[in-house]
Amino acid sequence: PQFAVEAKDSYGGTSLNKVKESIVKAKQNLKEK
């Protein structure tokens, strides 16, 4: 899934905030489906 890739990229080198964002987005996507 796309959000998993984004989360991985965030862990690779950017801030934890981006990781949190990815997780929140992922949860929202799962709820909507």
Protein backbone atom coordinates (compact mmCIF):
# COMPACT_ATOMS: atom_id res chain seq x y z
CA PRO A 1 0.00 0.00 0.00
CA GLN A 2 1.10 3.56 -0.72
CA PHE A 3 0.91 4.78 2.90
CA ALA A 4 3.30 2.02 3.96
CA VAL A 5 5.85 3.27 1.45
CA GLU A 6 5.42 6.84 2.70
CA ALA A 7 5.88 5.75 6.31
CA LYS A 8 9.03 3.85 5.37
CA ASP A 9 10.45 6.92 3.62
CA SER A 10 9.70 9.02 6.69
CA TYR A 11 11.59 6.62 8.95
CA GLY A 12 14.44 6.66 6.46
CA GLY A 13 15.39 10.29 7.03
CA THR A 14 12.68 12.82 7.87
CA SER A 15 10.94 13.96 11.04
CA LEU A 16 8.77 11.81 13.29
CA ASN A 17 5.93 14.24 12.62
CA LYS A 18 5.80 12.95 9.06
CA VAL A 19 5.62 9.40 10.36
CA LYS A 20 2.71 10.34 12.61
CA GLU A 21 1.02 12.03 9.65
CA SER A 22 1.40 8.89 7.56
CA ILE A 23 -0.08 6.75 10.33
CA VAL A 24 -3.03 9.11 10.78
CA LYS A 25 -3.60 9.15 7.02
CA ALA A 26 -3.43 5.37 6.89
CA LYS A 27 -6.02 5.01 9.66
CA GLN A 28 -8.32 7.48 7.90
CA ASN A 29 -7.94 5.57 4.62
CA LEU A 30 -8.82 2.30 6.33
CA LYS A 31 -11.90 3.85 7.96
CA GLU A 32 -13.15 5.23 4.65
CA LYS A 33 -12.85 1.86 2.88
